[in-house]
Amino acid sequence: LKQQGYEITFICRQQKGDLIDFIKQRKYQIIVLKALHEPVIPKCEPDYEAWLQVPWQDDANELIAQLKTVDLVIVDHYGIVQEWESKVRKELSCRILSIDDLVRQHDADFVLDQTLFRQVKEYKNIPNVLVGCDYALLNQQFSFYREQVLPHQTKSIIMPKVLVSMGGVDQPNATLMVLKRIV
């Protein structure tokens, strides 16, 4: 989006392990939502409400108060629910793109789900659904290096190709468990 001339602003809640400094180092605008005095500890891994750290209403209100105008809000957080999307869409008169892989309910203009074999029909009442590997959000370097390697591969060598991605949160260190199994 930045290469196409869009102005990009990240919105993050300050908390242990956040990427706020990383985003600033890359010269992006950032709005930092207030930190909590006592972080909420998830009761179990899929306790997505706790991942948000505040009730969705508070999170949406704080975001709306920080933004004057915006054309598109891109959401990539398991704790952000359909009601949050509805409130933000209405208050800011903006479009919503939600990145998902759980086939949840959304009030979004676009849903992006990179899951292998996901089908458009799994998302109901969404005008624009982008599903499957064709829409994988990968750095452009992956394509560049793939083109460099492919011509040099010989047909006699069959190398398995494995991509392991656990997203931005890997609380139980599932990545290590997967790596141990495939080695």
N, C-alpha and C. Protein backbone atom coordinates (compact mmCIF):
# COMPACT_ATOMS: atom_id res chain seq x y z
N LEU A 1 0.83 -1.20 0.00
CA LEU A 1 0.00 0.00 0.00
C LEU A 1 0.87 1.26 0.00
N LYS A 2 1.94 1.22 0.77
CA LYS A 2 2.83 2.39 0.83
C LYS A 2 3.45 2.64 -0.54
N GLN A 3 3.85 1.58 -1.24
CA GLN A 3 4.44 1.74 -2.57
C GLN A 3 3.44 2.31 -3.57
N GLN A 4 2.16 2.15 -3.29
CA GLN A 4 1.13 2.69 -4.17
C GLN A 4 0.68 4.09 -3.74
N GLY A 5 1.37 4.67 -2.76
CA GLY A 5 1.09 6.05 -2.38
C GLY A 5 0.13 6.24 -1.23
N TYR A 6 -0.30 5.17 -0.59
CA TYR A 6 -1.21 5.30 0.54
C TYR A 6 -0.45 5.76 1.78
N GLU A 7 -1.11 6.54 2.61
CA GLU A 7 -0.57 6.93 3.90
C GLU A 7 -0.96 5.85 4.90
N ILE A 8 0.02 5.27 5.56
CA ILE A 8 -0.21 4.13 6.45
C ILE A 8 0.00 4.57 7.90
N THR A 9 -0.93 4.21 8.76
CA THR A 9 -0.80 4.45 10.20
C THR A 9 -1.12 3.15 10.92
N PHE A 10 -0.22 2.73 11.79
CA PHE A 10 -0.46 1.55 12.61
C PHE A 10 -1.08 2.00 13.93
N ILE A 11 -1.92 1.15 14.48
CA ILE A 11 -2.50 1.42 15.80
C ILE A 11 -2.22 0.21 16.67
N CYS A 12 -1.54 0.43 17.77
CA CYS A 12 -1.14 -0.66 18.66
C CYS A 12 -1.36 -0.25 20.11
N ARG A 13 -1.69 -1.23 20.91
CA ARG A 13 -1.78 -1.00 22.35
C ARG A 13 -0.41 -1.30 22.95
N GLN A 14 0.07 -0.39 23.76
CA GLN A 14 1.36 -0.57 24.40
C GLN A 14 1.27 -1.70 25.42
N GLN A 15 2.15 -2.70 25.26
CA GLN A 15 2.20 -3.83 26.19
C GLN A 15 3.51 -4.57 25.99
N LYS A 16 3.83 -5.43 26.91
CA LYS A 16 5.07 -6.20 26.85
C LYS A 16 5.10 -7.00 25.54
N GLY A 17 6.22 -6.90 24.83
CA GLY A 17 6.39 -7.66 23.60
C GLY A 17 5.79 -7.00 22.37
N ASP A 18 5.32 -5.74 22.50
CA ASP A 18 4.71 -5.09 21.34
C ASP A 18 5.79 -4.76 20.29
N LEU A 19 5.34 -4.34 19.13
CA LEU A 19 6.24 -4.01 18.02
C LEU A 19 6.29 -2.51 17.74
N ILE A 20 5.97 -1.72 18.72
CA ILE A 20 5.88 -0.27 18.53
C ILE A 20 7.22 0.30 18.07
N ASP A 21 8.32 -0.02 18.74
CA ASP A 21 9.63 0.50 18.34
C ASP A 21 10.02 0.01 16.94
N PHE A 22 9.72 -1.23 16.64
CA PHE A 22 9.99 -1.80 15.32
C PHE A 22 9.27 -1.01 14.23
N ILE A 23 8.01 -0.69 14.46
CA ILE A 23 7.21 0.07 13.49
C ILE A 23 7.78 1.48 13.34
N LYS A 24 8.14 2.11 14.45
CA LYS A 24 8.72 3.45 14.39
C LYS A 24 10.04 3.47 13.63
N GLN A 25 10.87 2.45 13.84
CA GLN A 25 12.16 2.36 13.14
C GLN A 25 11.97 2.29 11.63
N ARG A 26 10.85 1.76 11.21
CA ARG A 26 10.57 1.63 9.78
C ARG A 26 9.87 2.88 9.23
N LYS A 27 9.81 3.92 10.07
CA LYS A 27 9.30 5.24 9.68
C LYS A 27 7.82 5.27 9.33
N TYR A 28 7.03 4.41 9.97
CA TYR A 28 5.58 4.45 9.80
C TYR A 28 4.99 5.32 10.90
N GLN A 29 3.86 5.95 10.58
CA GLN A 29 3.11 6.66 11.61
C GLN A 29 2.50 5.61 12.53
N ILE A 30 2.41 5.95 13.79
CA ILE A 30 1.83 5.00 14.74
C ILE A 30 1.03 5.76 15.79
N ILE A 31 -0.11 5.20 16.11
CA ILE A 31 -0.93 5.69 17.22
C ILE A 31 -0.82 4.62 18.30
N VAL A 32 -0.40 5.04 19.47
CA VAL A 32 -0.22 4.10 20.57
C VAL A 32 -1.40 4.24 21.52
N LEU A 33 -2.15 3.18 21.66
CA LEU A 33 -3.27 3.16 22.62
C LEU A 33 -2.70 2.96 24.01
N LYS A 34 -3.42 3.47 25.00
CA LYS A 34 -2.88 3.48 26.36
C LYS A 34 -2.63 2.06 26.90
N ALA A 35 -1.55 1.99 27.65
CA ALA A 35 -1.18 0.73 28.28
C ALA A 35 -2.06 0.48 29.49
N LEU A 36 -2.14 -0.75 29.88
CA LEU A 36 -2.90 -1.13 31.08
C LEU A 36 -1.96 -1.23 32.27
N HIS A 37 -2.47 -0.91 33.43
CA HIS A 37 -1.65 -1.06 34.63
C HIS A 37 -1.44 -2.53 34.95
N GLU A 38 -2.48 -3.30 34.78
CA GLU A 38 -2.42 -4.75 35.01
C GLU A 38 -2.82 -5.48 33.74
N PRO A 39 -1.88 -6.09 33.04
CA PRO A 39 -2.24 -6.80 31.81
C PRO A 39 -3.21 -7.96 32.10
N VAL A 40 -4.09 -8.20 31.15
CA VAL A 40 -5.03 -9.31 31.26
C VAL A 40 -4.32 -10.57 30.80
N ILE A 41 -4.37 -11.60 31.60
CA ILE A 41 -3.74 -12.87 31.26
C ILE A 41 -4.80 -13.80 30.68
N PRO A 42 -4.61 -14.27 29.43
CA PRO A 42 -5.60 -15.19 28.86
C PRO A 42 -5.73 -16.46 29.71
N LYS A 43 -6.97 -16.94 29.83
CA LYS A 43 -7.23 -18.15 30.61
C LYS A 43 -6.79 -19.41 29.86
N CYS A 44 -6.82 -19.33 28.54
CA CYS A 44 -6.37 -20.42 27.68
C CYS A 44 -5.93 -19.79 26.37
N GLU A 45 -5.31 -20.57 25.50
CA GLU A 45 -4.77 -20.00 24.26
C GLU A 45 -5.83 -19.30 23.41
N PRO A 46 -7.00 -19.91 23.17
CA PRO A 46 -7.98 -19.19 22.33
C PRO A 46 -8.86 -18.20 23.08
N ASP A 47 -8.37 -17.63 24.17
CA ASP A 47 -9.10 -16.60 24.91
C ASP A 47 -8.85 -15.26 24.22
N TYR A 48 -9.42 -15.12 23.02
CA TYR A 48 -9.14 -13.98 22.16
C TYR A 48 -9.55 -12.65 22.77
N GLU A 49 -10.61 -12.66 23.57
CA GLU A 49 -11.03 -11.41 24.22
C GLU A 49 -9.92 -10.88 25.12
N ALA A 50 -9.22 -11.76 25.81
CA ALA A 50 -8.14 -11.34 26.68
C ALA A 50 -6.95 -10.82 25.87
N TRP A 51 -6.75 -11.35 24.68
CA TRP A 51 -5.65 -10.86 23.84
C TRP A 51 -5.82 -9.38 23.53
N LEU A 52 -7.07 -8.92 23.41
CA LEU A 52 -7.33 -7.51 23.12
C LEU A 52 -6.98 -6.63 24.32
N GLN A 53 -6.99 -7.19 25.50
CA GLN A 53 -6.61 -6.54 26.76
C GLN A 53 -7.67 -5.62 27.34
N VAL A 54 -8.64 -5.21 26.56
CA VAL A 54 -9.73 -4.37 27.04
C VAL A 54 -11.01 -4.86 26.37
N PRO A 55 -12.17 -4.52 26.92
CA PRO A 55 -13.41 -4.86 26.21
C PRO A 55 -13.41 -4.23 24.81
N TRP A 56 -14.01 -4.92 23.85
CA TRP A 56 -13.99 -4.44 22.47
C TRP A 56 -14.56 -3.03 22.35
N GLN A 57 -15.57 -2.70 23.18
CA GLN A 57 -16.18 -1.37 23.12
C GLN A 57 -15.15 -0.29 23.46
N ASP A 58 -14.36 -0.54 24.51
CA ASP A 58 -13.33 0.42 24.92
C ASP A 58 -12.27 0.57 23.84
N ASP A 59 -11.87 -0.55 23.25
CA ASP A 59 -10.86 -0.52 22.20
C ASP A 59 -11.36 0.28 21.00
N ALA A 60 -12.58 0.02 20.57
CA ALA A 60 -13.17 0.73 19.43
C ALA A 60 -13.29 2.22 19.73
N ASN A 61 -13.76 2.57 20.92
CA ASN A 61 -13.92 3.98 21.29
C ASN A 61 -12.59 4.71 21.32
N GLU A 62 -11.56 4.05 21.84
CA GLU A 62 -10.24 4.67 21.91
C GLU A 62 -9.67 4.89 20.50
N LEU A 63 -9.87 3.93 19.63
CA LEU A 63 -9.42 4.06 18.25
C LEU A 63 -10.15 5.21 17.55
N ILE A 64 -11.46 5.25 17.68
CA ILE A 64 -12.28 6.29 17.04
C ILE A 64 -11.87 7.68 17.53
N ALA A 65 -11.58 7.81 18.81
CA ALA A 65 -11.17 9.10 19.37
C ALA A 65 -9.82 9.56 18.81
N GLN A 66 -8.98 8.61 18.40
CA GLN A 66 -7.65 8.94 17.90
C GLN A 66 -7.64 9.30 16.41
N LEU A 67 -8.64 8.84 15.67
CA LEU A 67 -8.66 9.05 14.22
C LEU A 67 -9.66 10.12 13.84
N LYS A 68 -9.26 11.02 12.96
CA LYS A 68 -10.19 12.04 12.46
C LYS A 68 -10.85 11.54 11.18
N THR A 69 -10.03 11.14 10.24
CA THR A 69 -10.56 10.56 9.00
C THR A 69 -9.70 9.37 8.60
N VAL A 70 -10.34 8.42 8.00
CA VAL A 70 -9.63 7.25 7.50
C VAL A 70 -10.51 6.63 6.41
N ASP A 71 -9.88 6.11 5.39
CA ASP A 71 -10.64 5.49 4.30
C ASP A 71 -10.82 4.00 4.52
N LEU A 72 -9.79 3.37 5.06
CA LEU A 72 -9.80 1.91 5.22
C LEU A 72 -9.13 1.54 6.53
N VAL A 73 -9.78 0.68 7.29
CA VAL A 73 -9.18 0.10 8.50
C VAL A 73 -8.92 -1.36 8.21
N ILE A 74 -7.66 -1.77 8.37
CA ILE A 74 -7.29 -3.18 8.18
C ILE A 74 -7.14 -3.80 9.56
N VAL A 75 -7.89 -4.84 9.79
CA VAL A 75 -7.95 -5.49 11.10
C VAL A 75 -7.26 -6.84 11.02
N ASP A 76 -6.32 -7.07 11.92
CA ASP A 76 -5.66 -8.38 12.00
C ASP A 76 -5.48 -8.72 13.48
N HIS A 77 -6.57 -9.12 14.11
CA HIS A 77 -6.53 -9.42 15.54
C HIS A 77 -7.70 -10.33 15.90
N TYR A 78 -7.42 -11.44 16.51
CA TYR A 78 -8.47 -12.39 16.88
C TYR A 78 -9.46 -11.80 17.89
N GLY A 79 -9.02 -10.83 18.67
CA GLY A 79 -9.89 -10.26 19.69
C GLY A 79 -10.86 -9.22 19.15
N ILE A 80 -10.71 -8.82 17.91
CA ILE A 80 -11.61 -7.83 17.32
C ILE A 80 -12.79 -8.57 16.71
N VAL A 81 -13.97 -8.23 17.19
CA VAL A 81 -15.20 -8.94 16.82
C VAL A 81 -16.03 -8.14 15.81
N GLN A 82 -17.04 -8.78 15.30
CA GLN A 82 -17.94 -8.18 14.32
C GLN A 82 -18.52 -6.86 14.83
N GLU A 83 -18.90 -6.80 16.09
CA GLU A 83 -19.49 -5.59 16.66
C GLU A 83 -18.49 -4.43 16.64
N TRP A 84 -17.22 -4.72 16.89
CA TRP A 84 -16.16 -3.71 16.82
C TRP A 84 -16.11 -3.15 15.41
N GLU A 85 -16.10 -4.04 14.42
CA GLU A 85 -16.05 -3.61 13.02
C GLU A 85 -17.24 -2.71 12.68
N SER A 86 -18.44 -3.10 13.15
CA SER A 86 -19.65 -2.32 12.87
C SER A 86 -19.55 -0.93 13.47
N LYS A 87 -19.11 -0.85 14.71
CA LYS A 87 -19.00 0.45 15.40
C LYS A 87 -17.98 1.34 14.70
N VAL A 88 -16.81 0.81 14.40
CA VAL A 88 -15.76 1.60 13.75
C VAL A 88 -16.20 2.05 12.36
N ARG A 89 -16.81 1.14 11.61
CA ARG A 89 -17.28 1.46 10.25
C ARG A 89 -18.28 2.62 10.30
N LYS A 90 -19.24 2.53 11.24
CA LYS A 90 -20.29 3.55 11.34
C LYS A 90 -19.72 4.90 11.79
N GLU A 91 -18.91 4.88 12.85
CA GLU A 91 -18.40 6.14 13.42
C GLU A 91 -17.39 6.84 12.51
N LEU A 92 -16.58 6.07 11.79
CA LEU A 92 -15.55 6.68 10.95
C LEU A 92 -15.95 6.74 9.47
N SER A 93 -17.10 6.18 9.13
CA SER A 93 -17.55 6.13 7.73
C SER A 93 -16.44 5.60 6.82
N CYS A 94 -15.89 4.48 7.21
CA CYS A 94 -14.77 3.91 6.47
C CYS A 94 -15.09 2.49 6.01
N ARG A 95 -14.20 1.95 5.22
CA ARG A 95 -14.31 0.56 4.80
C ARG A 95 -13.44 -0.27 5.75
N ILE A 96 -13.78 -1.55 5.86
CA ILE A 96 -13.06 -2.47 6.74
C ILE A 96 -12.55 -3.65 5.93
N LEU A 97 -11.27 -3.97 6.10
CA LEU A 97 -10.69 -5.21 5.58
C LEU A 97 -10.27 -6.01 6.80
N SER A 98 -10.81 -7.22 6.93
CA SER A 98 -10.48 -8.06 8.08
C SER A 98 -9.67 -9.26 7.62
N ILE A 99 -8.53 -9.44 8.24
CA ILE A 99 -7.69 -10.61 7.97
C ILE A 99 -8.11 -11.68 8.96
N ASP A 100 -8.46 -12.85 8.45
CA ASP A 100 -9.04 -13.90 9.29
C ASP A 100 -8.55 -15.26 8.80
N ASP A 101 -8.60 -16.23 9.67
CA ASP A 101 -8.36 -17.62 9.26
C ASP A 101 -9.22 -18.58 10.08
N LEU A 102 -10.23 -18.03 10.75
CA LEU A 102 -11.11 -18.86 11.58
C LEU A 102 -12.55 -18.88 11.08
N VAL A 103 -12.83 -18.26 9.94
CA VAL A 103 -14.17 -18.15 9.38
C VAL A 103 -15.14 -17.61 10.42
N ARG A 104 -14.78 -16.46 11.00
CA ARG A 104 -15.64 -15.80 11.97
C ARG A 104 -16.62 -14.89 11.26
N GLN A 105 -17.59 -14.36 12.00
CA GLN A 105 -18.55 -13.40 11.47
C GLN A 105 -17.89 -12.04 11.39
N HIS A 106 -18.17 -11.30 10.32
CA HIS A 106 -17.57 -9.98 10.13
C HIS A 106 -18.60 -8.99 9.62
N ASP A 107 -18.34 -7.72 9.91
CA ASP A 107 -19.02 -6.62 9.25
C ASP A 107 -17.93 -5.87 8.50
N ALA A 108 -17.50 -6.47 7.40
CA ALA A 108 -16.35 -5.96 6.65
C ALA A 108 -16.69 -5.88 5.17
N ASP A 109 -15.99 -4.98 4.50
CA ASP A 109 -16.12 -4.88 3.05
C ASP A 109 -15.29 -5.95 2.35
N PHE A 110 -14.20 -6.34 3.02
CA PHE A 110 -13.28 -7.33 2.49
C PHE A 110 -12.88 -8.28 3.62
N VAL A 111 -12.73 -9.55 3.29
CA VAL A 111 -12.11 -10.51 4.20
C VAL A 111 -10.98 -11.17 3.43
N LEU A 112 -9.83 -11.23 4.06
CA LEU A 112 -8.66 -11.90 3.49
C LEU A 112 -8.35 -13.10 4.38
N ASP A 113 -8.43 -14.29 3.80
CA ASP A 113 -8.12 -15.52 4.52
C ASP A 113 -7.17 -16.34 3.65
N GLN A 114 -5.93 -16.43 4.08
CA GLN A 114 -4.87 -17.07 3.31
C GLN A 114 -4.82 -18.59 3.47
N THR A 115 -5.78 -19.15 4.19
CA THR A 115 -5.77 -20.57 4.50
C THR A 115 -5.87 -21.42 3.23
N LEU A 116 -5.02 -22.41 3.15
CA LEU A 116 -5.03 -23.35 2.04
C LEU A 116 -6.40 -24.01 1.92
N PHE A 117 -6.96 -24.05 0.73
CA PHE A 117 -8.24 -24.67 0.41
C PHE A 117 -9.46 -23.96 0.99
N ARG A 118 -9.28 -22.78 1.57
CA ARG A 118 -10.44 -22.02 2.06
C ARG A 118 -11.31 -21.67 0.85
N GLN A 119 -12.63 -21.59 1.06
CA GLN A 119 -13.55 -21.30 -0.04
C GLN A 119 -14.32 -20.01 0.25
N VAL A 120 -14.59 -19.25 -0.79
CA VAL A 120 -15.31 -17.98 -0.67
C VAL A 120 -16.65 -18.18 0.03
N LYS A 121 -17.34 -19.27 -0.30
CA LYS A 121 -18.69 -19.50 0.24
C LYS A 121 -18.70 -19.69 1.76
N GLU A 122 -17.54 -19.90 2.37
CA GLU A 122 -17.48 -20.05 3.82
C GLU A 122 -17.75 -18.73 4.55
N TYR A 123 -17.57 -17.61 3.85
CA TYR A 123 -17.83 -16.30 4.44
C TYR A 123 -19.14 -15.77 3.87
N LYS A 124 -20.11 -15.61 4.72
CA LYS A 124 -21.44 -15.17 4.30
C LYS A 124 -21.55 -13.64 4.39
N ASN A 125 -22.26 -13.06 3.44
CA ASN A 125 -22.60 -11.63 3.44
C ASN A 125 -21.39 -10.70 3.44
N ILE A 126 -20.29 -11.12 2.85
CA ILE A 126 -19.12 -10.27 2.70
C ILE A 126 -18.98 -9.96 1.21
N PRO A 127 -18.98 -8.69 0.82
CA PRO A 127 -18.94 -8.36 -0.61
C PRO A 127 -17.69 -8.85 -1.34
N ASN A 128 -16.54 -8.79 -0.69
CA ASN A 128 -15.28 -9.15 -1.34
C ASN A 128 -14.50 -10.10 -0.44
N VAL A 129 -14.38 -11.35 -0.87
CA VAL A 129 -13.67 -12.36 -0.08
C VAL A 129 -12.47 -12.83 -0.88
N LEU A 130 -11.30 -12.71 -0.29
CA LEU A 130 -10.05 -13.13 -0.91
C LEU A 130 -9.53 -14.32 -0.11
N VAL A 131 -9.54 -15.49 -0.72
CA VAL A 131 -9.17 -16.69 0.03
C VAL A 131 -8.08 -17.49 -0.68
N GLY A 132 -7.33 -18.23 0.12
CA GLY A 132 -6.35 -19.16 -0.40
C GLY A 132 -4.96 -18.57 -0.55
N CYS A 133 -4.07 -19.41 -1.02
CA CYS A 133 -2.65 -19.06 -1.12
C CYS A 133 -2.36 -17.93 -2.12
N ASP A 134 -3.26 -17.74 -3.09
CA ASP A 134 -3.04 -16.65 -4.05
C ASP A 134 -3.01 -15.29 -3.37
N TYR A 135 -3.55 -15.22 -2.18
CA TYR A 135 -3.63 -13.95 -1.46
C TYR A 135 -2.72 -13.92 -0.23
N ALA A 136 -1.76 -14.82 -0.19
CA ALA A 136 -0.84 -14.87 0.95
C ALA A 136 -0.06 -13.57 1.05
N LEU A 137 0.01 -13.03 2.25
CA LEU A 137 0.74 -11.79 2.51
C LEU A 137 2.20 -12.13 2.77
N LEU A 138 2.98 -12.14 1.71
CA LEU A 138 4.39 -12.47 1.81
C LEU A 138 5.23 -11.29 1.33
N ASN A 139 6.37 -11.12 1.92
CA ASN A 139 7.31 -10.10 1.49
C ASN A 139 7.69 -10.38 0.03
N GLN A 140 7.91 -9.33 -0.76
CA GLN A 140 8.24 -9.48 -2.17
C GLN A 140 9.52 -10.28 -2.39
N GLN A 141 10.38 -10.33 -1.39
CA GLN A 141 11.62 -11.09 -1.53
C GLN A 141 11.35 -12.57 -1.77
N PHE A 142 10.24 -13.11 -1.25
CA PHE A 142 9.93 -14.51 -1.48
C PHE A 142 9.79 -14.78 -2.97
N SER A 143 9.06 -13.93 -3.67
CA SER A 143 8.88 -14.11 -5.12
C SER A 143 10.20 -13.96 -5.85
N PHE A 144 10.99 -12.97 -5.47
CA PHE A 144 12.27 -12.73 -6.11
C PHE A 144 13.16 -13.97 -5.99
N TYR A 145 13.32 -14.47 -4.78
CA TYR A 145 14.22 -15.61 -4.58
C TYR A 145 13.66 -16.90 -5.18
N ARG A 146 12.36 -17.03 -5.21
CA ARG A 146 11.75 -18.20 -5.84
C ARG A 146 12.12 -18.23 -7.32
N GLU A 147 12.06 -17.09 -7.98
CA GLU A 147 12.41 -17.01 -9.40
C GLU A 147 13.90 -17.30 -9.61
N GLN A 148 14.73 -16.97 -8.65
CA GLN A 148 16.17 -17.24 -8.77
C GLN A 148 16.47 -18.73 -8.63
N VAL A 149 15.70 -19.42 -7.81
CA VAL A 149 15.96 -20.83 -7.51
C VAL A 149 15.35 -21.76 -8.55
N LEU A 150 14.16 -21.49 -9.01
CA LEU A 150 13.44 -22.41 -9.89
C LEU A 150 14.21 -22.83 -11.14
N PRO A 151 14.84 -21.92 -11.88
CA PRO A 151 15.54 -22.36 -13.09
C PRO A 151 16.71 -23.30 -12.81
N HIS A 152 17.25 -23.27 -11.60
CA HIS A 152 18.42 -24.07 -11.27
C HIS A 152 18.07 -25.45 -10.71
N GLN A 153 16.83 -25.67 -10.41
CA GLN A 153 16.44 -26.97 -9.87
C GLN A 153 16.42 -28.00 -10.99
N THR A 154 16.86 -29.18 -10.68
CA THR A 154 16.79 -30.26 -11.68
C THR A 154 15.60 -31.13 -11.37
N LYS A 155 15.07 -31.76 -12.40
CA LYS A 155 13.89 -32.60 -12.22
C LYS A 155 14.21 -33.86 -11.43
N SER A 156 15.47 -34.27 -11.38
CA SER A 156 15.82 -35.50 -10.67
C SER A 156 15.84 -35.31 -9.16
N ILE A 157 15.96 -34.09 -8.72
CA ILE A 157 16.00 -33.83 -7.28
C ILE A 157 14.61 -33.39 -6.83
N ILE A 158 14.04 -34.16 -5.94
CA ILE A 158 12.73 -33.78 -5.39
C ILE A 158 12.96 -33.32 -3.96
N MET A 159 12.84 -32.02 -3.78
CA MET A 159 13.04 -31.43 -2.46
C MET A 159 11.68 -31.08 -1.88
N PRO A 160 11.41 -31.52 -0.68
CA PRO A 160 10.14 -31.11 -0.06
C PRO A 160 10.16 -29.61 0.22
N LYS A 161 9.02 -28.98 0.05
CA LYS A 161 8.89 -27.55 0.31
C LYS A 161 7.94 -27.38 1.48
N VAL A 162 8.43 -26.78 2.54
CA VAL A 162 7.63 -26.64 3.75
C VAL A 162 7.68 -25.19 4.20
N LEU A 163 6.52 -24.63 4.44
CA LEU A 163 6.41 -23.30 5.04
C LEU A 163 5.67 -23.47 6.35
N VAL A 164 6.31 -23.08 7.43
CA VAL A 164 5.68 -23.16 8.75
C VAL A 164 5.42 -21.75 9.21
N SER A 165 4.16 -21.42 9.46
CA SER A 165 3.81 -20.09 9.92
C SER A 165 2.74 -20.20 10.99
N MET A 166 3.01 -19.65 12.13
CA MET A 166 2.06 -19.68 13.24
C MET A 166 1.46 -18.29 13.47
N GLY A 167 1.71 -17.38 12.56
CA GLY A 167 1.19 -16.03 12.72
C GLY A 167 2.04 -15.24 13.70
N GLY A 168 1.46 -14.18 14.22
CA GLY A 168 2.21 -13.29 15.10
C GLY A 168 2.30 -13.74 16.54
N VAL A 169 1.48 -14.69 16.94
CA VAL A 169 1.47 -15.15 18.32
C VAL A 169 1.67 -16.65 18.34
N ASP A 170 2.64 -17.09 19.09
CA ASP A 170 2.91 -18.53 19.20
C ASP A 170 3.18 -18.83 20.67
N GLN A 171 2.17 -18.59 21.49
CA GLN A 171 2.28 -18.69 22.94
C GLN A 171 2.80 -20.06 23.40
N PRO A 172 2.30 -21.18 22.88
CA PRO A 172 2.80 -22.46 23.39
C PRO A 172 4.05 -22.94 22.68
N ASN A 173 4.66 -22.08 21.83
CA ASN A 173 5.84 -22.44 21.05
C ASN A 173 5.55 -23.63 20.14
N ALA A 174 4.41 -23.57 19.47
CA ALA A 174 4.01 -24.64 18.54
C ALA A 174 4.97 -24.75 17.37
N THR A 175 5.60 -23.64 16.99
CA THR A 175 6.56 -23.67 15.88
C THR A 175 7.67 -24.67 16.18
N LEU A 176 8.22 -24.63 17.38
CA LEU A 176 9.28 -25.56 17.74
C LEU A 176 8.77 -27.00 17.71
N MET A 177 7.57 -27.23 18.17
CA MET A 177 7.00 -28.60 18.15
C MET A 177 6.88 -29.09 16.71
N VAL A 178 6.43 -28.23 15.81
CA VAL A 178 6.31 -28.61 14.40
C VAL A 178 7.68 -28.89 13.80
N LEU A 179 8.64 -28.03 14.07
CA LEU A 179 9.98 -28.22 13.53
C LEU A 179 10.60 -29.54 13.98
N LYS A 180 10.39 -29.89 15.24
CA LYS A 180 10.92 -31.16 15.74
C LYS A 180 10.30 -32.35 15.05
N ARG A 181 9.04 -32.22 14.65
CA ARG A 181 8.33 -33.33 13.99
C ARG A 181 8.74 -33.51 12.54
N ILE A 182 9.06 -32.38 11.85
CA ILE A 182 9.36 -32.50 10.42
C ILE A 182 10.84 -32.75 10.14
N VAL A 183 11.69 -32.63 11.13
CA VAL A 183 13.13 -32.82 10.90
C VAL A 183 13.46 -34.27 10.78
